[in-house]
């Protein structure tokens, strides 16, 4: 097995292990963790005070963002990601707003394509993840949606700020960064904030 094949196999095994662990987290712990996560997100030094911020619809045992969304000031517009061609676009959404399921069964705002916002239009994006390390490297589900959508961040320090959200138990010792990976500016768990170190590539 060559190095690339081994890395892919290791990532697949890690995804399977952590997703299984995440799914078995009791509901009471999920709710408590989501409330504490909201405090960590709001404490970020670069938390914007106006504009559009994006979260995600938690599935597969992911840590929820509902508590954070409800605490956002009126000057911030909460958005959800929408699959559009091979990139993510974003649409404002409030509880009770119309939703449709995408190809993965994830709810998205029911909005026409001309009403979607580009990745560059966001002030801050909170992304789900399967695993992370202390240097803010993120292992996602493997489809590359966030890496493709925010590829411009690899070449210039431009908005939006990118923040991973996870349970503390999803932290691993190290994740091997790939050339196409877009690093997070921080990762927040229910326990603490991990800011990206200056030398992270």
Protein backbone atom coordinates (compact mmCIF):
# COMPACT_ATOMS: atom_id res chain seq x y z
CA UNK A 1 0.00 0.00 0.00
CA UNK A 2 1.49 3.35 -1.02
CA UNK A 3 1.50 6.43 1.22
CA UNK A 4 -1.58 8.05 -0.36
CA UNK A 5 -3.61 4.84 -0.10
CA UNK A 6 -2.56 4.36 3.51
CA UNK A 7 -3.53 7.95 4.37
CA UNK A 8 -6.94 7.47 2.76
CA UNK A 9 -7.48 4.20 4.64
CA UNK A 10 -6.44 5.79 7.93
CA UNK A 11 -8.81 8.73 7.37
CA UNK A 12 -11.67 6.36 6.55
CA UNK A 13 -11.07 4.35 9.72
CA UNK A 14 -10.85 7.51 11.82
CA UNK A 15 -14.10 8.84 10.36
CA UNK A 16 -15.89 5.57 11.12
CA UNK A 17 -14.61 5.42 14.71
CA UNK A 18 -15.41 9.01 15.66
CA UNK A 19 -18.80 9.06 13.93
CA UNK A 20 -19.81 5.93 15.87
CA UNK A 21 -18.67 7.52 19.11
CA UNK A 22 -20.45 10.78 18.31
CA UNK A 23 -23.75 9.07 17.52
CA UNK A 24 -23.83 7.37 20.93
CA UNK A 25 -23.55 10.64 22.90
CA UNK A 26 -26.68 10.89 25.12
CA UNK A 27 -29.18 13.62 24.21
CA UNK A 28 -28.72 15.40 27.55
CA UNK A 29 -24.98 15.68 26.92
CA UNK A 30 -25.57 16.96 23.38
CA UNK A 31 -27.85 19.74 24.62
CA UNK A 32 -25.49 20.77 27.41
CA UNK A 33 -22.50 20.72 25.05
CA UNK A 34 -24.34 22.83 22.45
CA UNK A 35 -25.12 25.47 25.10
CA UNK A 36 -21.48 25.61 26.22
CA UNK A 37 -20.31 25.68 22.60
CA UNK A 38 -22.44 28.78 22.03
CA UNK A 39 -20.51 30.60 24.78
CA UNK A 40 -17.18 29.60 23.21
CA UNK A 41 -18.25 30.81 19.76
CA UNK A 42 -19.50 34.12 21.13
CA UNK A 43 -16.18 34.62 22.95
CA UNK A 44 -14.13 34.48 19.74
CA UNK A 45 -12.03 37.66 19.41
CA UNK A 46 -12.99 37.95 15.74
CA UNK A 47 -16.72 37.32 16.25
CA UNK A 48 -18.33 39.88 13.90
CA UNK A 49 -20.93 42.34 15.14
CA UNK A 50 -22.75 42.67 11.81
CA UNK A 51 -23.15 40.94 8.48
CA UNK A 52 -23.86 37.33 7.53
CA UNK A 53 -22.68 34.36 9.57
CA UNK A 54 -23.18 30.74 8.59
CA UNK A 55 -23.73 27.64 10.62
CA UNK A 56 -24.91 24.18 9.62
CA UNK A 57 -27.80 21.79 10.21
CA UNK A 58 -26.44 19.20 12.64
CA UNK A 59 -26.78 15.58 11.47
CA UNK A 60 -25.11 12.27 12.26
CA UNK A 61 -24.49 13.23 15.89
CA UNK A 62 -22.78 16.55 15.11
CA UNK A 63 -22.73 19.17 17.86
CA UNK A 64 -25.66 21.54 17.42
CA UNK A 65 -25.58 25.29 16.77
CA UNK A 66 -29.16 26.13 17.79
CA UNK A 67 -28.11 27.74 21.08
CA UNK A 68 -25.56 29.94 19.30
CA UNK A 69 -28.05 30.96 16.62
CA UNK A 70 -30.58 32.08 19.22
CA UNK A 71 -27.99 34.23 21.01
CA UNK A 72 -26.81 36.12 17.92
CA UNK A 73 -27.56 39.87 17.92
CA UNK A 74 -30.12 41.20 15.41
CA UNK A 75 -27.31 42.83 13.42
CA UNK A 76 -26.08 39.37 12.36
CA UNK A 77 -27.97 37.34 9.75
CA UNK A 78 -27.79 33.59 10.30
CA UNK A 79 -27.38 31.47 7.17
CA UNK A 80 -27.29 27.78 6.28
CA UNK A 81 -25.19 26.21 3.52
CA UNK A 82 -26.82 25.17 0.24
CA UNK A 83 -25.24 22.82 -2.30
CA UNK A 84 -24.94 24.68 -5.59
CA UNK A 85 -23.13 22.99 -8.48
CA UNK A 86 -19.80 21.96 -6.90
CA UNK A 87 -19.63 24.68 -4.23
CA UNK A 88 -21.45 25.78 -1.12
CA UNK A 89 -23.62 28.85 -1.28
CA UNK A 90 -25.48 30.30 1.70
CA UNK A 91 -29.04 31.38 2.44
CA UNK A 92 -30.51 33.30 5.38
CA UNK A 93 -32.68 31.11 7.60
CA UNK A 94 -34.73 31.52 10.76
CA UNK A 95 -36.43 28.78 12.79
CA UNK A 96 -39.67 27.90 11.05
CA UNK A 97 -38.36 28.89 7.61
CA UNK A 98 -39.04 26.58 4.67
CA UNK A 99 -36.53 23.76 4.14
CA UNK A 100 -35.81 21.13 1.50
CA UNK A 101 -33.53 18.08 1.79
CA UNK A 102 -30.44 18.04 -0.41
CA UNK A 103 -28.86 14.95 -2.03
CA UNK A 104 -27.39 13.91 1.33
CA UNK A 105 -30.69 14.32 3.18
CA UNK A 106 -29.51 17.51 4.91
CA UNK A 107 -32.12 20.29 5.22
CA UNK A 108 -31.40 23.48 3.25
CA UNK A 109 -33.38 26.73 3.01
CA UNK A 110 -35.92 26.60 0.18
CA UNK A 111 -34.65 29.50 -1.89
CA UNK A 112 -34.11 30.22 -5.58
CA UNK A 113 -30.49 30.21 -6.82
CA UNK A 114 -30.50 33.97 -7.46
CA UNK A 115 -31.08 34.53 -3.75
CA UNK A 116 -27.99 32.60 -2.64
CA UNK A 117 -24.92 34.26 -1.16
CA UNK A 118 -21.35 33.39 -2.12
CA UNK A 119 -18.75 32.14 0.35
CA UNK A 120 -16.99 35.51 0.09
CA UNK A 121 -20.16 37.24 1.31
CA UNK A 122 -19.97 35.64 4.75
CA UNK A 123 -18.31 37.34 7.72
CA UNK A 124 -17.85 34.08 9.65
CA UNK A 125 -18.58 30.44 8.86
CA UNK A 126 -18.88 27.69 11.46
CA UNK A 127 -18.18 24.31 9.85
CA UNK A 128 -18.90 20.80 11.10
CA UNK A 129 -16.09 18.28 11.26
CA UNK A 130 -15.37 14.67 12.09
CA UNK A 131 -12.00 15.19 13.77
CA UNK A 132 -9.54 17.99 14.48
CA UNK A 133 -6.17 18.58 16.05
CA UNK A 134 -4.80 21.39 18.21
CA UNK A 135 -3.32 23.10 15.14
CA UNK A 136 -6.84 23.51 13.72
CA UNK A 137 -6.50 20.97 10.96
CA UNK A 138 -9.94 19.60 10.16
CA UNK A 139 -11.05 16.19 8.92
CA UNK A 140 -14.44 16.44 7.27
CA UNK A 141 -16.67 13.82 5.68
CA UNK A 142 -14.40 13.55 2.65
CA UNK A 143 -16.53 15.14 -0.08
CA UNK A 144 -14.50 18.38 -0.06
CA UNK A 145 -17.38 20.89 -0.06
CA UNK A 146 -15.80 23.29 2.41
CA UNK A 147 -12.30 22.96 0.93
CA UNK A 148 -13.55 23.75 -2.58
CA UNK A 149 -15.83 26.57 -1.47
CA UNK A 150 -13.15 28.33 0.57
CA UNK A 151 -10.12 27.50 -1.58
CA UNK A 152 -9.49 31.25 -1.97
CA UNK A 153 -8.55 31.35 1.71
CA UNK A 154 -5.39 29.33 0.96
CA UNK A 155 -4.00 32.21 -1.09
CA UNK A 156 -5.07 35.26 0.86
CA UNK A 157 -6.23 36.20 4.34
CA UNK A 158 -9.74 37.23 3.42
CA UNK A 159 -13.16 36.96 5.01
CA UNK A 160 -14.85 34.93 6.16
CA UNK A 161 -13.33 33.68 9.36
CA UNK A 162 -13.54 29.88 9.41
CA UNK A 163 -14.28 28.06 12.65
CA UNK A 164 -14.67 24.35 13.22
CA UNK A 165 -17.22 23.12 15.77
CA UNK A 166 -16.92 19.79 17.55
CA UNK A 167 -17.29 17.87 20.77
CA UNK A 168 -14.05 17.83 22.75
CA UNK A 169 -13.94 14.05 22.27
CA UNK A 170 -13.39 14.57 18.53
CA UNK A 171 -9.87 15.91 19.06
CA UNK A 172 -7.02 13.68 17.85
CA UNK A 173 -3.25 14.01 18.19
CA UNK A 174 -2.60 15.07 14.60
CA UNK A 175 -4.28 15.24 11.21
CA UNK A 176 -2.11 15.10 8.13
CA UNK A 177 -2.97 18.22 6.11
CA UNK A 178 -3.44 17.72 2.39
CA UNK A 179 -2.54 20.30 -0.26
CA UNK A 180 -6.22 21.09 -0.89
CA UNK A 181 -7.17 21.49 2.77
CA UNK A 182 -8.31 24.89 4.00
CA UNK A 183 -7.33 25.36 7.62
CA UNK A 184 -9.65 26.73 10.26
CA UNK A 185 -8.88 30.00 12.04
CA UNK A 186 -10.06 28.32 15.23
CA UNK A 187 -11.86 25.23 16.47
CA UNK A 188 -14.42 25.51 19.26
CA UNK A 189 -15.61 22.71 21.49
CA UNK A 190 -17.86 22.76 24.53
CA UNK A 191 -14.71 23.00 26.65
CA UNK A 192 -12.41 25.51 24.98
CA UNK A 193 -11.30 27.46 21.92
CA UNK A 194 -8.30 26.28 19.89
CA UNK A 195 -6.90 29.26 17.94
CA UNK A 196 -4.82 28.40 14.90
CA UNK A 197 -1.12 28.94 15.65
CA UNK A 198 0.59 31.56 13.44
CA UNK A 199 2.79 28.99 11.72
CA UNK A 200 -0.13 26.74 10.67
CA UNK A 201 -0.17 26.28 6.90
